[in-house]
Amino acid sequence: YIAKRYAGNNAIIGYDLMNEPFSGSTSKEVGIAWLAAYAKMVYSTTGKTMSKDELAAILTNEEKKKEALQMVSTKSNYQQVVDALEPFSKQFEENILQQFYQKVSVAIRSVDTTHIIFLEHSYLGNAGVPSCIKRTTLSNGQPDYKVAYAGHGYDIVTDTKETGNASSERVEFIYDRIKIKGEQLNMPVWLGEWGA
């Protein structure tokens, strides 16, 4: 997926290399890790140990799902859960996505040295999981300074029945993570998509 990004007057301003890159086959492991991190967070905040059945109910029972969303509505609780997913994001971004970004960036720069290349974090970054993407380099190894970070930010209730119960603390946490990553990359940030 490589798409041209247009300004309001249909002038090309750059290229999106990928839209919400997704690691695919690890999604089941990510779901299990999320539930495990959630159980750990519940124990650390309430002292309650959750059974496998109670955790599974979060996925199938609307009331249990609402309770879980309420538990992760604060920045501190939410961070405990999403930070447990960082190894999955890191493995995908460092070992697969970054190589793809680099290869495509060099190919684009061989024919276009003018326009901005927009880099996105992986799909997990949409929910505030820390990103490990890096600035791409030119074919001579020098940093490409016509690159921007186009993070997406979505509260975990987006596209669910619970969209009306978005957490302003979760949303702020997600956008703070995008801002911090932009500062780490020393790149302009273009919030490409957002929701809830």
N, C-alpha and C. Protein backbone atom coordinates (compact mmCIF):
# COMPACT_ATOMS: atom_id res chain seq x y z
N TYR A 1 0.85 -1.18 0.00
CA TYR A 1 0.00 0.00 0.00
C TYR A 1 0.88 1.22 0.00
N ILE A 2 0.87 1.97 -1.05
CA ILE A 2 1.52 3.27 -1.11
C ILE A 2 0.51 4.21 -1.75
N ALA A 3 0.19 5.28 -1.07
CA ALA A 3 -0.81 6.21 -1.58
C ALA A 3 -0.26 7.62 -1.55
N LYS A 4 -0.69 8.41 -2.49
CA LYS A 4 -0.31 9.82 -2.49
C LYS A 4 -1.22 10.56 -1.52
N ARG A 5 -0.65 11.48 -0.77
CA ARG A 5 -1.40 12.32 0.16
C ARG A 5 -1.56 13.68 -0.51
N TYR A 6 -2.81 14.18 -0.50
CA TYR A 6 -3.11 15.44 -1.18
C TYR A 6 -3.49 16.52 -0.19
N ALA A 7 -3.15 17.74 -0.54
CA ALA A 7 -3.62 18.90 0.21
C ALA A 7 -5.02 19.24 -0.30
N GLY A 8 -5.65 20.21 0.30
CA GLY A 8 -7.01 20.59 -0.06
C GLY A 8 -7.19 20.98 -1.52
N ASN A 9 -6.17 21.48 -2.16
CA ASN A 9 -6.27 21.89 -3.55
C ASN A 9 -5.83 20.79 -4.52
N ASN A 10 -5.80 19.56 -4.03
CA ASN A 10 -5.41 18.38 -4.80
C ASN A 10 -3.95 18.37 -5.25
N ALA A 11 -3.13 19.19 -4.62
CA ALA A 11 -1.70 19.16 -4.89
C ALA A 11 -1.08 18.04 -4.05
N ILE A 12 -0.21 17.27 -4.65
CA ILE A 12 0.46 16.19 -3.92
C ILE A 12 1.40 16.80 -2.89
N ILE A 13 1.28 16.36 -1.65
CA ILE A 13 2.23 16.82 -0.63
C ILE A 13 3.16 15.69 -0.19
N GLY A 14 2.80 14.46 -0.50
CA GLY A 14 3.67 13.37 -0.10
C GLY A 14 3.07 12.01 -0.33
N TYR A 15 3.72 11.00 0.27
CA TYR A 15 3.34 9.61 0.09
C TYR A 15 3.12 8.93 1.44
N ASP A 16 2.01 8.23 1.59
CA ASP A 16 1.79 7.35 2.74
C ASP A 16 2.33 6.00 2.33
N LEU A 17 3.26 5.47 3.11
CA LEU A 17 3.83 4.17 2.74
C LEU A 17 2.94 3.01 3.16
N MET A 18 2.15 3.18 4.19
CA MET A 18 1.31 2.08 4.66
C MET A 18 0.21 2.67 5.52
N ASN A 19 -0.98 2.10 5.44
CA ASN A 19 -2.07 2.54 6.29
C ASN A 19 -2.30 1.51 7.39
N GLU A 20 -2.05 1.91 8.62
CA GLU A 20 -2.24 1.06 9.79
C GLU A 20 -1.65 -0.34 9.60
N PRO A 21 -0.34 -0.42 9.44
CA PRO A 21 0.30 -1.72 9.23
C PRO A 21 -0.04 -2.70 10.35
N PHE A 22 -0.40 -3.90 9.97
CA PHE A 22 -0.89 -4.90 10.92
C PHE A 22 -0.03 -6.16 10.81
N SER A 23 0.36 -6.70 11.94
CA SER A 23 1.26 -7.85 11.96
C SER A 23 0.57 -9.17 11.64
N GLY A 24 -0.74 -9.18 11.57
CA GLY A 24 -1.47 -10.37 11.12
C GLY A 24 -1.50 -11.52 12.10
N SER A 25 -0.66 -12.50 11.89
CA SER A 25 -0.75 -13.77 12.61
C SER A 25 -0.52 -13.67 14.11
N THR A 26 0.07 -12.60 14.59
CA THR A 26 0.30 -12.48 16.04
C THR A 26 -0.91 -11.92 16.79
N SER A 27 -1.98 -11.60 16.08
CA SER A 27 -3.12 -10.94 16.73
C SER A 27 -3.73 -11.78 17.85
N LYS A 28 -3.74 -13.10 17.71
CA LYS A 28 -4.27 -13.94 18.79
C LYS A 28 -3.39 -13.82 20.03
N GLU A 29 -2.07 -13.84 19.83
CA GLU A 29 -1.14 -13.68 20.95
C GLU A 29 -1.31 -12.32 21.61
N VAL A 30 -1.54 -11.30 20.81
CA VAL A 30 -1.74 -9.95 21.34
C VAL A 30 -2.99 -9.92 22.21
N GLY A 31 -4.06 -10.55 21.76
CA GLY A 31 -5.29 -10.60 22.54
C GLY A 31 -5.10 -11.29 23.88
N ILE A 32 -4.37 -12.39 23.86
CA ILE A 32 -4.08 -13.13 25.10
C ILE A 32 -3.22 -12.27 26.03
N ALA A 33 -2.22 -11.61 25.46
CA ALA A 33 -1.35 -10.74 26.27
C ALA A 33 -2.13 -9.57 26.86
N TRP A 34 -3.09 -9.03 26.08
CA TRP A 34 -3.91 -7.93 26.60
C TRP A 34 -4.71 -8.40 27.80
N LEU A 35 -5.34 -9.57 27.69
CA LEU A 35 -6.13 -10.10 28.81
C LEU A 35 -5.25 -10.37 30.03
N ALA A 36 -4.06 -10.93 29.81
CA ALA A 36 -3.14 -11.20 30.92
C ALA A 36 -2.71 -9.89 31.59
N ALA A 37 -2.41 -8.88 30.79
CA ALA A 37 -2.01 -7.59 31.34
C ALA A 37 -3.18 -6.94 32.08
N TYR A 38 -4.37 -7.12 31.56
CA TYR A 38 -5.56 -6.59 32.22
C TYR A 38 -5.73 -7.25 33.59
N ALA A 39 -5.60 -8.57 33.64
CA ALA A 39 -5.72 -9.29 34.91
C ALA A 39 -4.67 -8.82 35.92
N LYS A 40 -3.46 -8.61 35.44
CA LYS A 40 -2.38 -8.13 36.31
C LYS A 40 -2.70 -6.73 36.83
N MET A 41 -3.22 -5.87 35.94
CA MET A 41 -3.58 -4.51 36.35
C MET A 41 -4.70 -4.54 37.38
N VAL A 42 -5.71 -5.41 37.18
CA VAL A 42 -6.81 -5.53 38.13
C VAL A 42 -6.26 -5.95 39.49
N TYR A 43 -5.36 -6.91 39.50
CA TYR A 43 -4.78 -7.37 40.76
C TYR A 43 -3.99 -6.25 41.43
N SER A 44 -3.20 -5.51 40.63
CA SER A 44 -2.37 -4.46 41.23
C SER A 44 -3.20 -3.29 41.77
N THR A 45 -4.39 -3.07 41.21
CA THR A 45 -5.20 -1.94 41.66
C THR A 45 -6.28 -2.31 42.67
N THR A 46 -6.73 -3.58 42.64
CA THR A 46 -7.82 -3.98 43.54
C THR A 46 -7.48 -5.14 44.46
N GLY A 47 -6.42 -5.89 44.13
CA GLY A 47 -6.08 -7.08 44.90
C GLY A 47 -6.88 -8.31 44.48
N LYS A 48 -7.76 -8.15 43.48
CA LYS A 48 -8.61 -9.25 43.03
C LYS A 48 -7.90 -10.07 41.96
N THR A 49 -7.92 -11.38 42.12
CA THR A 49 -7.38 -12.29 41.11
C THR A 49 -8.53 -12.72 40.20
N MET A 50 -8.31 -12.64 38.88
CA MET A 50 -9.34 -13.00 37.93
C MET A 50 -9.10 -14.41 37.39
N SER A 51 -10.18 -15.17 37.26
CA SER A 51 -10.09 -16.51 36.69
C SER A 51 -10.10 -16.42 35.16
N LYS A 52 -9.75 -17.53 34.51
CA LYS A 52 -9.80 -17.57 33.04
C LYS A 52 -11.23 -17.32 32.55
N ASP A 53 -12.20 -17.85 33.25
CA ASP A 53 -13.59 -17.65 32.86
C ASP A 53 -13.99 -16.18 32.95
N GLU A 54 -13.54 -15.51 34.01
CA GLU A 54 -13.85 -14.08 34.16
C GLU A 54 -13.20 -13.26 33.05
N LEU A 55 -11.99 -13.63 32.68
CA LEU A 55 -11.31 -12.92 31.59
C LEU A 55 -12.01 -13.18 30.26
N ALA A 56 -12.40 -14.42 30.01
CA ALA A 56 -13.09 -14.76 28.77
C ALA A 56 -14.43 -14.03 28.67
N ALA A 57 -15.07 -13.81 29.82
CA ALA A 57 -16.37 -13.13 29.83
C ALA A 57 -16.27 -11.70 29.30
N ILE A 58 -15.09 -11.09 29.42
CA ILE A 58 -14.89 -9.73 28.90
C ILE A 58 -15.15 -9.71 27.39
N LEU A 59 -14.86 -10.81 26.73
CA LEU A 59 -15.01 -10.87 25.28
C LEU A 59 -16.43 -11.20 24.84
N THR A 60 -17.22 -11.79 25.74
CA THR A 60 -18.54 -12.28 25.32
C THR A 60 -19.72 -11.64 26.05
N ASN A 61 -19.48 -11.04 27.20
CA ASN A 61 -20.55 -10.50 28.03
C ASN A 61 -20.48 -8.97 28.01
N GLU A 62 -21.55 -8.34 27.55
CA GLU A 62 -21.55 -6.87 27.41
C GLU A 62 -21.29 -6.15 28.74
N GLU A 63 -21.88 -6.64 29.81
CA GLU A 63 -21.66 -5.99 31.12
C GLU A 63 -20.21 -6.11 31.57
N LYS A 64 -19.62 -7.29 31.36
CA LYS A 64 -18.21 -7.49 31.74
C LYS A 64 -17.29 -6.63 30.88
N LYS A 65 -17.65 -6.47 29.60
CA LYS A 65 -16.88 -5.62 28.70
C LYS A 65 -16.92 -4.17 29.18
N LYS A 66 -18.11 -3.70 29.59
CA LYS A 66 -18.25 -2.34 30.11
C LYS A 66 -17.42 -2.15 31.37
N GLU A 67 -17.44 -3.16 32.25
CA GLU A 67 -16.63 -3.08 33.48
C GLU A 67 -15.15 -2.97 33.14
N ALA A 68 -14.72 -3.76 32.17
CA ALA A 68 -13.30 -3.73 31.77
C ALA A 68 -12.94 -2.37 31.18
N LEU A 69 -13.81 -1.83 30.34
CA LEU A 69 -13.55 -0.50 29.78
C LEU A 69 -13.47 0.56 30.87
N GLN A 70 -14.32 0.43 31.87
CA GLN A 70 -14.28 1.38 32.99
C GLN A 70 -12.96 1.24 33.76
N MET A 71 -12.50 0.01 33.93
CA MET A 71 -11.23 -0.21 34.65
C MET A 71 -10.04 0.43 33.93
N VAL A 72 -10.08 0.44 32.60
CA VAL A 72 -8.96 1.01 31.85
C VAL A 72 -9.26 2.42 31.35
N SER A 73 -10.17 3.12 32.03
CA SER A 73 -10.51 4.48 31.61
C SER A 73 -9.55 5.52 32.16
N THR A 74 -8.68 5.15 33.10
CA THR A 74 -7.69 6.10 33.62
C THR A 74 -6.36 5.87 32.91
N LYS A 75 -5.57 6.91 32.82
CA LYS A 75 -4.27 6.81 32.15
C LYS A 75 -3.40 5.74 32.78
N SER A 76 -3.33 5.73 34.11
CA SER A 76 -2.42 4.79 34.77
C SER A 76 -2.82 3.34 34.55
N ASN A 77 -4.10 3.03 34.65
CA ASN A 77 -4.55 1.65 34.42
C ASN A 77 -4.37 1.26 32.95
N TYR A 78 -4.73 2.18 32.07
CA TYR A 78 -4.62 1.90 30.64
C TYR A 78 -3.16 1.66 30.25
N GLN A 79 -2.27 2.47 30.79
CA GLN A 79 -0.85 2.32 30.46
C GLN A 79 -0.33 0.94 30.87
N GLN A 80 -0.76 0.44 32.02
CA GLN A 80 -0.32 -0.88 32.46
C GLN A 80 -0.68 -1.95 31.43
N VAL A 81 -1.83 -1.80 30.81
CA VAL A 81 -2.28 -2.79 29.84
C VAL A 81 -1.59 -2.62 28.49
N VAL A 82 -1.59 -1.41 27.94
CA VAL A 82 -1.02 -1.23 26.60
C VAL A 82 0.49 -1.41 26.57
N ASP A 83 1.17 -1.06 27.64
CA ASP A 83 2.62 -1.22 27.63
C ASP A 83 3.04 -2.69 27.60
N ALA A 84 2.16 -3.57 28.04
CA ALA A 84 2.45 -5.01 27.97
C ALA A 84 2.46 -5.50 26.52
N LEU A 85 1.91 -4.73 25.61
CA LEU A 85 1.86 -5.12 24.21
C LEU A 85 3.05 -4.60 23.41
N GLU A 86 3.90 -3.81 24.04
CA GLU A 86 5.04 -3.23 23.34
C GLU A 86 5.95 -4.27 22.67
N PRO A 87 6.24 -5.42 23.30
CA PRO A 87 7.10 -6.39 22.61
C PRO A 87 6.55 -6.85 21.26
N PHE A 88 5.24 -6.96 21.14
CA PHE A 88 4.64 -7.37 19.86
C PHE A 88 4.84 -6.28 18.81
N SER A 89 4.58 -5.05 19.21
CA SER A 89 4.75 -3.92 18.30
C SER A 89 6.21 -3.79 17.90
N LYS A 90 7.10 -3.89 18.86
CA LYS A 90 8.54 -3.74 18.61
C LYS A 90 9.03 -4.79 17.62
N GLN A 91 8.64 -6.04 17.84
CA GLN A 91 9.10 -7.12 16.96
C GLN A 91 8.66 -6.86 15.52
N PHE A 92 7.43 -6.48 15.33
CA PHE A 92 6.90 -6.22 13.99
C PHE A 92 7.53 -4.98 13.37
N GLU A 93 7.57 -3.90 14.13
CA GLU A 93 8.07 -2.65 13.57
C GLU A 93 9.57 -2.71 13.26
N GLU A 94 10.34 -3.28 14.16
CA GLU A 94 11.79 -3.32 13.94
C GLU A 94 12.21 -4.36 12.90
N ASN A 95 11.57 -5.52 12.90
CA ASN A 95 12.02 -6.61 12.04
C ASN A 95 11.35 -6.69 10.68
N ILE A 96 10.19 -6.08 10.54
CA ILE A 96 9.48 -6.17 9.27
C ILE A 96 9.15 -4.78 8.71
N LEU A 97 8.41 -4.00 9.48
CA LEU A 97 7.91 -2.72 8.97
C LEU A 97 9.03 -1.75 8.62
N GLN A 98 10.02 -1.60 9.50
CA GLN A 98 11.09 -0.65 9.24
C GLN A 98 11.86 -1.00 7.97
N GLN A 99 12.09 -2.28 7.75
CA GLN A 99 12.78 -2.71 6.53
C GLN A 99 11.97 -2.37 5.29
N PHE A 100 10.65 -2.58 5.38
CA PHE A 100 9.77 -2.21 4.28
C PHE A 100 9.82 -0.71 4.03
N TYR A 101 9.67 0.08 5.11
CA TYR A 101 9.71 1.53 4.96
C TYR A 101 11.01 1.98 4.30
N GLN A 102 12.12 1.42 4.74
CA GLN A 102 13.42 1.81 4.19
C GLN A 102 13.51 1.48 2.71
N LYS A 103 13.13 0.28 2.35
CA LYS A 103 13.22 -0.15 0.95
C LYS A 103 12.35 0.74 0.04
N VAL A 104 11.12 0.98 0.46
CA VAL A 104 10.22 1.79 -0.36
C VAL A 104 10.66 3.24 -0.39
N SER A 105 11.16 3.75 0.72
CA SER A 105 11.63 5.14 0.76
C SER A 105 12.77 5.37 -0.22
N VAL A 106 13.71 4.44 -0.26
CA VAL A 106 14.83 4.56 -1.20
C VAL A 106 14.31 4.53 -2.64
N ALA A 107 13.35 3.66 -2.91
CA ALA A 107 12.78 3.59 -4.26
C ALA A 107 12.07 4.89 -4.63
N ILE A 108 11.31 5.46 -3.70
CA ILE A 108 10.64 6.73 -3.98
C ILE A 108 11.66 7.83 -4.20
N ARG A 109 12.67 7.90 -3.35
CA ARG A 109 13.67 8.96 -3.48
C ARG A 109 14.49 8.84 -4.77
N SER A 110 14.53 7.67 -5.36
CA SER A 110 15.25 7.54 -6.63
C SER A 110 14.54 8.26 -7.76
N VAL A 111 13.24 8.57 -7.58
CA VAL A 111 12.48 9.29 -8.62
C VAL A 111 11.82 10.57 -8.11
N ASP A 112 11.82 10.78 -6.79
CA ASP A 112 11.15 11.96 -6.23
C ASP A 112 11.88 12.40 -4.97
N THR A 113 12.58 13.51 -5.07
CA THR A 113 13.31 14.03 -3.90
C THR A 113 12.61 15.23 -3.29
N THR A 114 11.40 15.53 -3.76
CA THR A 114 10.70 16.74 -3.36
C THR A 114 9.66 16.53 -2.27
N HIS A 115 8.87 15.49 -2.39
CA HIS A 115 7.69 15.33 -1.54
C HIS A 115 8.00 14.62 -0.21
N ILE A 116 7.09 14.80 0.72
CA ILE A 116 7.21 14.23 2.07
C ILE A 116 6.81 12.76 2.04
N ILE A 117 7.53 11.96 2.79
CA ILE A 117 7.16 10.56 3.00
C ILE A 117 6.58 10.48 4.42
N PHE A 118 5.35 9.94 4.51
CA PHE A 118 4.67 9.81 5.80
C PHE A 118 4.83 8.39 6.32
N LEU A 119 5.34 8.27 7.53
CA LEU A 119 5.52 6.97 8.17
C LEU A 119 4.49 6.83 9.29
N GLU A 120 3.86 5.68 9.37
CA GLU A 120 2.91 5.39 10.44
C GLU A 120 3.47 4.33 11.37
N HIS A 121 3.02 4.37 12.61
CA HIS A 121 3.32 3.27 13.51
C HIS A 121 2.45 2.07 13.12
N SER A 122 2.69 0.94 13.75
CA SER A 122 1.86 -0.23 13.47
C SER A 122 0.47 -0.04 14.06
N TYR A 123 -0.42 -0.94 13.72
CA TYR A 123 -1.81 -0.87 14.16
C TYR A 123 -1.92 -0.72 15.68
N LEU A 124 -1.06 -1.40 16.43
CA LEU A 124 -1.13 -1.31 17.89
C LEU A 124 -0.86 0.10 18.40
N GLY A 125 -0.07 0.86 17.65
CA GLY A 125 0.20 2.24 18.03
C GLY A 125 -1.04 3.10 18.04
N ASN A 126 -2.07 2.71 17.28
CA ASN A 126 -3.32 3.46 17.26
C ASN A 126 -3.93 3.56 18.65
N ALA A 127 -3.68 2.55 19.47
CA ALA A 127 -4.24 2.49 20.82
C ALA A 127 -3.26 3.00 21.87
N GLY A 128 -2.10 3.49 21.45
CA GLY A 128 -1.14 4.05 22.39
C GLY A 128 0.02 3.14 22.75
N VAL A 129 0.11 1.97 22.12
CA VAL A 129 1.27 1.11 22.36
C VAL A 129 2.50 1.83 21.81
N PRO A 130 3.60 1.89 22.57
CA PRO A 130 4.78 2.62 22.09
C PRO A 130 5.27 2.10 20.74
N SER A 131 5.68 3.02 19.90
CA SER A 131 6.18 2.69 18.56
C SER A 131 7.71 2.68 18.55
N CYS A 132 8.26 1.84 17.66
CA CYS A 132 9.71 1.74 17.50
C CYS A 132 10.17 2.16 16.11
N ILE A 133 9.28 2.75 15.31
CA ILE A 133 9.71 3.14 13.97
C ILE A 133 10.79 4.21 14.06
N LYS A 134 11.59 4.28 13.00
CA LYS A 134 12.68 5.25 12.93
C LYS A 134 12.60 6.01 11.63
N ARG A 135 13.29 7.12 11.61
CA ARG A 135 13.41 7.91 10.38
C ARG A 135 14.10 7.05 9.32
N THR A 136 13.62 7.12 8.10
CA THR A 136 14.28 6.42 7.02
C THR A 136 15.50 7.23 6.56
N THR A 137 16.38 6.55 5.84
CA THR A 137 17.59 7.20 5.35
C THR A 137 17.59 7.19 3.82
N LEU A 138 18.40 8.07 3.28
CA LEU A 138 18.59 8.11 1.83
C LEU A 138 19.51 6.96 1.42
N SER A 139 19.66 6.73 0.13
CA SER A 139 20.47 5.60 -0.34
C SER A 139 21.93 5.72 0.10
N ASN A 140 22.41 6.95 0.40
CA ASN A 140 23.79 7.14 0.85
C ASN A 140 23.93 7.00 2.37
N GLY A 141 22.83 6.64 3.05
CA GLY A 141 22.86 6.44 4.50
C GLY A 141 22.57 7.68 5.32
N GLN A 142 22.44 8.82 4.68
CA GLN A 142 22.14 10.06 5.39
C GLN A 142 20.65 10.09 5.76
N PRO A 143 20.28 10.73 6.89
CA PRO A 143 18.86 10.83 7.26
C PRO A 143 18.06 11.56 6.19
N ASP A 144 16.86 11.09 5.95
CA ASP A 144 15.94 11.76 5.03
C ASP A 144 15.15 12.77 5.87
N TYR A 145 15.31 14.05 5.55
CA TYR A 145 14.65 15.08 6.33
C TYR A 145 13.31 15.50 5.75
N LYS A 146 12.87 14.83 4.70
CA LYS A 146 11.54 15.11 4.14
C LYS A 146 10.61 13.96 4.51
N VAL A 147 10.59 13.66 5.80
CA VAL A 147 9.79 12.57 6.34
C VAL A 147 8.97 13.13 7.50
N ALA A 148 7.73 12.67 7.63
CA ALA A 148 6.86 13.07 8.74
C ALA A 148 6.26 11.82 9.38
N TYR A 149 5.92 11.96 10.63
CA TYR A 149 5.28 10.88 11.38
C TYR A 149 3.77 11.09 11.31
N ALA A 150 3.07 10.12 10.73
CA ALA A 150 1.62 10.24 10.54
C ALA A 150 0.91 9.22 11.43
N GLY A 151 0.99 9.44 12.72
CA GLY A 151 0.34 8.52 13.66
C GLY A 151 -1.17 8.61 13.60
N HIS A 152 -1.80 7.50 13.92
CA HIS A 152 -3.26 7.46 14.07
C HIS A 152 -3.56 7.25 15.55
N GLY A 153 -4.68 7.78 16.01
CA GLY A 153 -5.06 7.62 17.40
C GLY A 153 -6.53 7.27 17.54
N TYR A 154 -6.80 6.09 18.08
CA TYR A 154 -8.18 5.64 18.26
C TYR A 154 -8.38 5.10 19.67
N ASP A 155 -9.41 5.58 20.34
CA ASP A 155 -9.77 4.96 21.61
C ASP A 155 -10.24 3.54 21.32
N ILE A 156 -10.06 2.65 22.29
CA ILE A 156 -10.37 1.23 22.06
C ILE A 156 -11.86 0.96 21.88
N VAL A 157 -12.71 1.94 22.11
CA VAL A 157 -14.15 1.74 21.90
C VAL A 157 -14.59 2.09 20.48
N THR A 158 -13.69 2.60 19.66
CA THR A 158 -14.03 2.99 18.30
C THR A 158 -14.58 1.79 17.54
N ASP A 159 -15.64 2.02 16.78
CA ASP A 159 -16.29 1.00 15.96
C ASP A 159 -16.89 -0.14 16.79
N THR A 160 -17.26 0.17 18.04
CA THR A 160 -17.96 -0.80 18.87
C THR A 160 -19.26 -0.17 19.36
N LYS A 161 -20.07 -0.96 20.05
CA LYS A 161 -21.30 -0.44 20.65
C LYS A 161 -21.00 0.56 21.76
N GLU A 162 -19.77 0.58 22.23
CA GLU A 162 -19.39 1.44 23.36
C GLU A 162 -18.73 2.75 22.93
N THR A 163 -18.84 3.12 21.68
CA THR A 163 -18.21 4.35 21.20
C THR A 163 -18.59 5.56 22.05
N GLY A 164 -19.83 5.59 22.51
CA GLY A 164 -20.28 6.69 23.35
C GLY A 164 -19.62 6.74 24.71
N ASN A 165 -18.92 5.69 25.08
CA ASN A 165 -18.23 5.63 26.37
C ASN A 165 -16.72 5.80 26.23
N ALA A 166 -16.32 6.57 25.26
CA ALA A 166 -14.89 6.85 25.09
C ALA A 166 -14.35 7.52 26.36
N SER A 167 -13.10 7.26 26.64
CA SER A 167 -12.46 7.84 27.82
C SER A 167 -11.56 8.98 27.40
N SER A 168 -11.81 10.16 27.92
CA SER A 168 -10.97 11.31 27.57
C SER A 168 -9.54 11.08 28.06
N GLU A 169 -9.38 10.35 29.17
CA GLU A 169 -8.02 10.06 29.65
C GLU A 169 -7.29 9.12 28.71
N ARG A 170 -7.99 8.10 28.20
CA ARG A 170 -7.36 7.19 27.23
C ARG A 170 -6.97 7.95 25.97
N VAL A 171 -7.88 8.78 25.47
CA VAL A 171 -7.62 9.53 24.25
C VAL A 171 -6.42 10.45 24.46
N GLU A 172 -6.38 11.15 25.57
CA GLU A 172 -5.25 12.03 25.86
C GLU A 172 -3.95 11.24 25.94
N PHE A 173 -4.02 10.07 26.58
CA PHE A 173 -2.84 9.20 26.69
C PHE A 173 -2.33 8.82 25.30
N ILE A 174 -3.23 8.41 24.41
CA ILE A 174 -2.86 7.99 23.05
C ILE A 174 -2.22 9.15 22.30
N TYR A 175 -2.82 10.34 22.36
CA TYR A 175 -2.27 11.48 21.64
C TYR A 175 -0.94 11.94 22.24
N ASP A 176 -0.80 11.81 23.56
CA ASP A 176 0.49 12.12 24.19
C ASP A 176 1.57 11.18 23.67
N ARG A 177 1.22 9.91 23.49
CA ARG A 177 2.20 8.94 22.97
C ARG A 177 2.63 9.32 21.55
N ILE A 178 1.69 9.78 20.74
CA ILE A 178 2.02 10.20 19.37
C ILE A 178 2.94 11.42 19.41
N LYS A 179 2.63 12.36 20.28
CA LYS A 179 3.45 13.57 20.42
C LYS A 179 4.87 13.21 20.87
N ILE A 180 4.97 12.33 21.86
CA ILE A 180 6.28 11.92 22.37
C ILE A 180 7.09 11.23 21.27
N LYS A 181 6.43 10.35 20.50
CA LYS A 181 7.14 9.66 19.42
C LYS A 181 7.62 10.65 18.37
N GLY A 182 6.80 11.63 18.02
CA GLY A 182 7.21 12.66 17.07
C GLY A 182 8.43 13.42 17.57
N GLU A 183 8.45 13.71 18.88
CA GLU A 183 9.60 14.40 19.46
C GLU A 183 10.84 13.52 19.43
N GLN A 184 10.69 12.22 19.73
CA GLN A 184 11.82 11.29 19.67
C GLN A 184 12.38 11.20 18.26
N LEU A 185 11.49 11.19 17.27
CA LEU A 185 11.92 11.10 15.88
C LEU A 185 12.45 12.43 15.34
N ASN A 186 12.15 13.52 16.06
CA ASN A 186 12.46 14.86 15.61
C ASN A 186 11.86 15.11 14.23
N MET A 187 10.57 14.78 14.13
CA MET A 187 9.82 14.91 12.88
C MET A 187 8.54 15.68 13.12
N PRO A 188 8.03 16.32 12.07
CA PRO A 188 6.69 16.87 12.18
C PRO A 188 5.68 15.72 12.36
N VAL A 189 4.60 16.01 13.06
CA VAL A 189 3.56 14.99 13.27
C VAL A 189 2.30 15.42 12.53
N TRP A 190 1.74 14.51 11.79
CA TRP A 190 0.48 14.70 11.07
C TRP A 190 -0.45 13.65 11.62
N LEU A 191 -1.44 14.05 12.41
CA LEU A 191 -2.38 13.07 12.95
C LEU A 191 -3.28 12.63 11.81
N GLY A 192 -2.93 11.50 11.23
CA GLY A 192 -3.58 11.05 10.01
C GLY A 192 -5.03 10.65 10.18
N GLU A 193 -5.34 9.97 11.26
CA GLU A 193 -6.71 9.54 11.55
C GLU A 193 -6.91 9.54 13.05
N TRP A 194 -8.15 9.70 13.47
CA TRP A 194 -8.48 9.65 14.88
C TRP A 194 -9.92 9.24 15.04
N GLY A 195 -10.26 8.77 16.24
CA GLY A 195 -11.64 8.39 16.48
C GLY A 195 -11.95 8.28 17.96
N ALA A 196 -13.25 8.38 18.27
CA ALA A 196 -13.80 8.32 19.62
C ALA A 196 -13.24 9.44 20.47
